[in-house]
Every structure is written in C-alpha cells, then in structure tokens.
Amino acid sequence: MFDSLSEEIQLLLLIIGIAILFIIVLWNSGRNKKKLYHRKNRDFRKNYLNKKKE
C-alpha cells in the first residue's frame, strides 16, 4: 500500500500516526481520571454497594 511512497514519507506518516495515537491515549486517560475524581466520596466499595442496592 505504501510501497509507492518514498521512505522519508513513510517514516513521517509513521511518526504522525504514533503521535496521534499518543494524543488520543492522553485525552482518554484524562477523561477517565476526571470521571473517577468527581464521583461521590471516591470510595469504590461504597459506590458499588449503593449501585447494587438500586
């Protein structure tokens, strides 16, 4: 697929792809931290038991 492109372009596309994946992972982990931080009391056991009762 990329055989028609020069080696420099292939390397550049690889670096850009890895950078995009890295940014997506950072964004997702930040989003997950934000979700966990804003829970009630941040206590897994209490939250689990409360959800189980409901």
PDB file of N, CA and C in Angstrom:
ATOM      1  N   MET A   1       0.831  -1.192   0.000  1.00  0.00           N
ATOM      2  CA  MET A   1       0.000   0.000   0.000  1.00  0.00           C
ATOM      3  C   MET A   1       0.877   1.258   0.000  1.00  0.00           C
ATOM      4  N   PHE A   2       1.889   1.271   0.857  1.00  0.00           N
ATOM      5  CA  PHE A   2       2.757   2.439   0.955  1.00  0.00           C
ATOM      6  C   PHE A   2       4.033   2.273   0.144  1.00  0.00           C
ATOM      7  N   ASP A   3       4.099   1.244  -0.681  1.00  0.00           N
ATOM      8  CA  ASP A   3       5.311   0.986  -1.454  1.00  0.00           C
ATOM      9  C   ASP A   3       5.616   2.106  -2.448  1.00  0.00           C
ATOM     10  N   SER A   4       4.582   2.778  -2.906  1.00  0.00           N
ATOM     11  CA  SER A   4       4.807   3.833  -3.898  1.00  0.00           C
ATOM     12  C   SER A   4       5.363   5.118  -3.271  1.00  0.00           C
ATOM     13  N   LEU A   5       5.272   5.239  -1.947  1.00  0.00           N
ATOM     14  CA  LEU A   5       5.770   6.432  -1.263  1.00  0.00           C
ATOM     15  C   LEU A   5       7.245   6.256  -0.919  1.00  0.00           C
ATOM     16  N   SER A   6       7.959   7.351  -0.857  1.00  0.00           N
ATOM     17  CA  SER A   6       9.376   7.273  -0.513  1.00  0.00           C
ATOM     18  C   SER A   6       9.542   6.896   0.960  1.00  0.00           C
ATOM     19  N   GLU A   7      10.738   6.449   1.318  1.00  0.00           N
ATOM     20  CA  GLU A   7      10.988   6.023   2.695  1.00  0.00           C
ATOM     21  C   GLU A   7      10.825   7.174   3.680  1.00  0.00           C
ATOM     22  N   GLU A   8      11.185   8.378   3.263  1.00  0.00           N
ATOM     23  CA  GLU A   8      11.063   9.534   4.151  1.00  0.00           C
ATOM     24  C   GLU A   8       9.592   9.826   4.464  1.00  0.00           C
ATOM     25  N   ILE A   9       8.751   9.730   3.432  1.00  0.00           N
ATOM     26  CA  ILE A   9       7.315   9.973   3.626  1.00  0.00           C
ATOM     27  C   ILE A   9       6.716   8.881   4.503  1.00  0.00           C
ATOM     28  N   GLN A  10       7.132   7.628   4.299  1.00  0.00           N
ATOM     29  CA  GLN A  10       6.638   6.531   5.127  1.00  0.00           C
ATOM     30  C   GLN A  10       7.005   6.757   6.587  1.00  0.00           C
ATOM     31  N   LEU A  11       8.251   7.175   6.837  1.00  0.00           N
ATOM     32  CA  LEU A  11       8.700   7.442   8.198  1.00  0.00           C
ATOM     33  C   LEU A  11       7.910   8.597   8.808  1.00  0.00           C
ATOM     34  N   LEU A  12       7.683   9.629   8.037  1.00  0.00           N
ATOM     35  CA  LEU A  12       6.917  10.777   8.515  1.00  0.00           C
ATOM     36  C   LEU A  12       5.488  10.375   8.859  1.00  0.00           C
ATOM     37  N   LEU A  13       4.852   9.574   8.016  1.00  0.00           N
ATOM     38  CA  LEU A  13       3.493   9.111   8.293  1.00  0.00           C
ATOM     39  C   LEU A  13       3.448   8.227   9.539  1.00  0.00           C
ATOM     40  N   LEU A  14       4.466   7.402   9.730  1.00  0.00           N
ATOM     41  CA  LEU A  14       4.538   6.558  10.919  1.00  0.00           C
ATOM     42  C   LEU A  14       4.641   7.402  12.187  1.00  0.00           C
ATOM     43  N   ILE A  15       5.490   8.415  12.159  1.00  0.00           N
ATOM     44  CA  ILE A  15       5.661   9.293  13.322  1.00  0.00           C
ATOM     45  C   ILE A  15       4.373  10.060  13.610  1.00  0.00           C
ATOM     46  N   ILE A  16       3.724  10.545  12.578  1.00  0.00           N
ATOM     47  CA  ILE A  16       2.457  11.269  12.762  1.00  0.00           C
ATOM     48  C   ILE A  16       1.390  10.337  13.330  1.00  0.00           C
ATOM     49  N   GLY A  17       1.337   9.097  12.829  1.00  0.00           N
ATOM     50  CA  GLY A  17       0.362   8.124  13.338  1.00  0.00           C
ATOM     51  C   GLY A  17       0.589   7.816  14.802  1.00  0.00           C
ATOM     52  N   ILE A  18       1.841   7.615  15.187  1.00  0.00           N
ATOM     53  CA  ILE A  18       2.146   7.330  16.591  1.00  0.00           C
ATOM     54  C   ILE A  18       1.807   8.537  17.462  1.00  0.00           C
ATOM     55  N   ALA A  19       2.091   9.738  16.972  1.00  0.00           N
ATOM     56  CA  ALA A  19       1.771  10.947  17.743  1.00  0.00           C
ATOM     57  C   ALA A  19       0.263  11.088  17.938  1.00  0.00           C
ATOM     58  N   ILE A  20      -0.513  10.800  16.908  1.00  0.00           N
ATOM     59  CA  ILE A  20      -1.974  10.892  17.024  1.00  0.00           C
ATOM     60  C   ILE A  20      -2.494   9.874  18.029  1.00  0.00           C
ATOM     61  N   LEU A  21      -1.976   8.643  17.974  1.00  0.00           N
ATOM     62  CA  LEU A  21      -2.396   7.629  18.947  1.00  0.00           C
ATOM     63  C   LEU A  21      -2.020   8.040  20.366  1.00  0.00           C
ATOM     64  N   PHE A  22      -0.840   8.622  20.547  1.00  0.00           N
ATOM     65  CA  PHE A  22      -0.408   9.079  21.861  1.00  0.00           C
ATOM     66  C   PHE A  22      -1.336  10.166  22.401  1.00  0.00           C
ATOM     67  N   ILE A  23      -1.708  11.097  21.550  1.00  0.00           N
ATOM     68  CA  ILE A  23      -2.618  12.172  21.972  1.00  0.00           C
ATOM     69  C   ILE A  23      -3.983  11.611  22.347  1.00  0.00           C
ATOM     70  N   ILE A  24      -4.469  10.628  21.593  1.00  0.00           N
ATOM     71  CA  ILE A  24      -5.764  10.012  21.903  1.00  0.00           C
ATOM     72  C   ILE A  24      -5.707   9.308  23.257  1.00  0.00           C
ATOM     73  N   VAL A  25      -4.612   8.600  23.529  1.00  0.00           N
ATOM     74  CA  VAL A  25      -4.476   7.907  24.815  1.00  0.00           C
ATOM     75  C   VAL A  25      -4.425   8.911  25.963  1.00  0.00           C
ATOM     76  N   LEU A  26      -3.668   9.993  25.801  1.00  0.00           N
ATOM     77  CA  LEU A  26      -3.609  11.021  26.852  1.00  0.00           C
ATOM     78  C   LEU A  26      -4.978  11.640  27.100  1.00  0.00           C
ATOM     79  N   TRP A  27      -5.703  11.931  26.047  1.00  0.00           N
ATOM     80  CA  TRP A  27      -7.036  12.530  26.181  1.00  0.00           C
ATOM     81  C   TRP A  27      -7.977  11.577  26.899  1.00  0.00           C
ATOM     82  N   ASN A  28      -7.922  10.291  26.538  1.00  0.00           N
ATOM     83  CA  ASN A  28      -8.815   9.317  27.151  1.00  0.00           C
ATOM     84  C   ASN A  28      -8.477   9.097  28.625  1.00  0.00           C
ATOM     85  N   SER A  29      -7.207   9.023  28.963  1.00  0.00           N
ATOM     86  CA  SER A  29      -6.849   8.816  30.368  1.00  0.00           C
ATOM     87  C   SER A  29      -7.226  10.039  31.201  1.00  0.00           C
ATOM     88  N   GLY A  30      -7.082  11.231  30.643  1.00  0.00           N
ATOM     89  CA  GLY A  30      -7.521  12.430  31.356  1.00  0.00           C
ATOM     90  C   GLY A  30      -9.016  12.444  31.578  1.00  0.00           C
ATOM     91  N   ARG A  31      -9.743  12.003  30.585  1.00  0.00           N
ATOM     92  CA  ARG A  31     -11.201  11.932  30.712  1.00  0.00           C
ATOM     93  C   ARG A  31     -11.601  10.918  31.770  1.00  0.00           C
ATOM     94  N   ASN A  32     -10.922   9.772  31.794  1.00  0.00           N
ATOM     95  CA  ASN A  32     -11.226   8.749  32.794  1.00  0.00           C
ATOM     96  C   ASN A  32     -10.883   9.218  34.197  1.00  0.00           C
ATOM     97  N   LYS A  33      -9.762   9.923  34.356  1.00  0.00           N
ATOM     98  CA  LYS A  33      -9.395  10.457  35.675  1.00  0.00           C
ATOM     99  C   LYS A  33     -10.444  11.440  36.157  1.00  0.00           C
ATOM    100  N   LYS A  34     -10.920  12.270  35.236  1.00  0.00           N
ATOM    101  CA  LYS A  34     -11.921  13.270  35.599  1.00  0.00           C
ATOM    102  C   LYS A  34     -13.208  12.591  36.060  1.00  0.00           C
ATOM    103  N   LYS A  35     -13.594  11.526  35.376  1.00  0.00           N
ATOM    104  CA  LYS A  35     -14.803  10.797  35.777  1.00  0.00           C
ATOM    105  C   LYS A  35     -14.637  10.199  37.166  1.00  0.00           C
ATOM    106  N   LEU A  36     -13.464   9.603  37.436  1.00  0.00           N
ATOM    107  CA  LEU A  36     -13.251   8.969  38.730  1.00  0.00           C
ATOM    108  C   LEU A  36     -13.119  10.003  39.841  1.00  0.00           C
ATOM    109  N   TYR A  37     -12.526  11.135  39.553  1.00  0.00           N
ATOM    110  CA  TYR A  37     -12.298  12.140  40.576  1.00  0.00           C
ATOM    111  C   TYR A  37     -13.601  12.761  41.068  1.00  0.00           C
ATOM    112  N   HIS A  38     -14.567  12.885  40.204  1.00  0.00           N
ATOM    113  CA  HIS A  38     -15.808  13.568  40.575  1.00  0.00           C
ATOM    114  C   HIS A  38     -16.898  12.625  41.067  1.00  0.00           C
ATOM    115  N   ARG A  39     -16.528  11.403  41.425  1.00  0.00           N
ATOM    116  CA  ARG A  39     -17.523  10.502  41.996  1.00  0.00           C
ATOM    117  C   ARG A  39     -17.817  10.910  43.435  1.00  0.00           C
ATOM    118  N   LYS A  40     -18.912  10.370  43.983  1.00  0.00           N
ATOM    119  CA  LYS A  40     -19.202  10.620  45.391  1.00  0.00           C
ATOM    120  C   LYS A  40     -18.127   9.954  46.240  1.00  0.00           C
ATOM    121  N   ASN A  41     -17.538  10.635  47.124  1.00  0.00           N
ATOM    122  CA  ASN A  41     -16.586  10.143  48.126  1.00  0.00           C
ATOM    123  C   ASN A  41     -15.378   9.403  47.546  1.00  0.00           C
ATOM    124  N   ARG A  42     -15.348   9.096  46.292  1.00  0.00           N
ATOM    125  CA  ARG A  42     -14.264   8.363  45.634  1.00  0.00           C
ATOM    126  C   ARG A  42     -13.949   7.045  46.344  1.00  0.00           C
ATOM    127  N   ASP A  43     -14.968   6.386  46.887  1.00  0.00           N
ATOM    128  CA  ASP A  43     -14.785   5.103  47.570  1.00  0.00           C
ATOM    129  C   ASP A  43     -15.490   4.026  46.750  1.00  0.00           C
ATOM    130  N   PHE A  44     -14.710   3.132  46.178  1.00  0.00           N
ATOM    131  CA  PHE A  44     -15.275   2.145  45.263  1.00  0.00           C
ATOM    132  C   PHE A  44     -16.289   1.252  45.967  1.00  0.00           C
ATOM    133  N   ARG A  45     -15.963   0.778  47.161  1.00  0.00           N
ATOM    134  CA  ARG A  45     -16.838  -0.173  47.848  1.00  0.00           C
ATOM    135  C   ARG A  45     -18.205   0.446  48.149  1.00  0.00           C
ATOM    136  N   LYS A  46     -18.209   1.667  48.673  1.00  0.00           N
ATOM    137  CA  LYS A  46     -19.494   2.318  48.982  1.00  0.00           C
ATOM    138  C   LYS A  46     -20.293   2.585  47.722  1.00  0.00           C
ATOM    139  N   ASN A  47     -19.630   3.055  46.675  1.00  0.00           N
ATOM    140  CA  ASN A  47     -20.337   3.319  45.424  1.00  0.00           C
ATOM    141  C   ASN A  47     -20.886   2.044  44.828  1.00  0.00           C
ATOM    142  N   TYR A  48     -20.124   0.959  44.892  1.00  0.00           N
ATOM    143  CA  TYR A  48     -20.586  -0.326  44.355  1.00  0.00           C
ATOM    144  C   TYR A  48     -21.800  -0.817  45.126  1.00  0.00           C
ATOM    145  N   LEU A  49     -21.734  -0.740  46.449  1.00  0.00           N
ATOM    146  CA  LEU A  49     -22.873  -1.210  47.238  1.00  0.00           C
ATOM    147  C   LEU A  49     -24.102  -0.347  47.020  1.00  0.00           C
ATOM    148  N   ASN A  50     -23.916   0.966  46.878  1.00  0.00           N
ATOM    149  CA  ASN A  50     -25.053   1.839  46.603  1.00  0.00           C
ATOM    150  C   ASN A  50     -25.689   1.504  45.263  1.00  0.00           C
ATOM    151  N   LYS A  51     -24.866   1.259  44.240  1.00  0.00           N
ATOM    152  CA  LYS A  51     -25.410   0.907  42.930  1.00  0.00           C
ATOM    153  C   LYS A  51     -26.074  -0.451  42.962  1.00  0.00           C
ATOM    154  N   LYS A  52     -25.547  -1.366  43.763  1.00  0.00           N
ATOM    155  CA  LYS A  52     -26.126  -2.708  43.870  1.00  0.00           C
ATOM    156  C   LYS A  52     -27.509  -2.641  44.518  1.00  0.00           C
ATOM    157  N   LYS A  53     -27.680  -1.751  45.519  1.00  0.00           N
ATOM    158  CA  LYS A  53     -28.981  -1.598  46.174  1.00  0.00           C
ATOM    159  C   LYS A  53     -30.016  -1.030  45.212  1.00  0.00           C
ATOM    160  N   GLU A  54     -29.591  -0.155  44.326  1.00  0.00           N
ATOM    161  CA  GLU A  54     -30.533   0.455  43.373  1.00  0.00           C
ATOM    162  C   GLU A  54     -30.834  -0.527  42.314  1.00  0.00           C
TER     163      GLU A  54
END
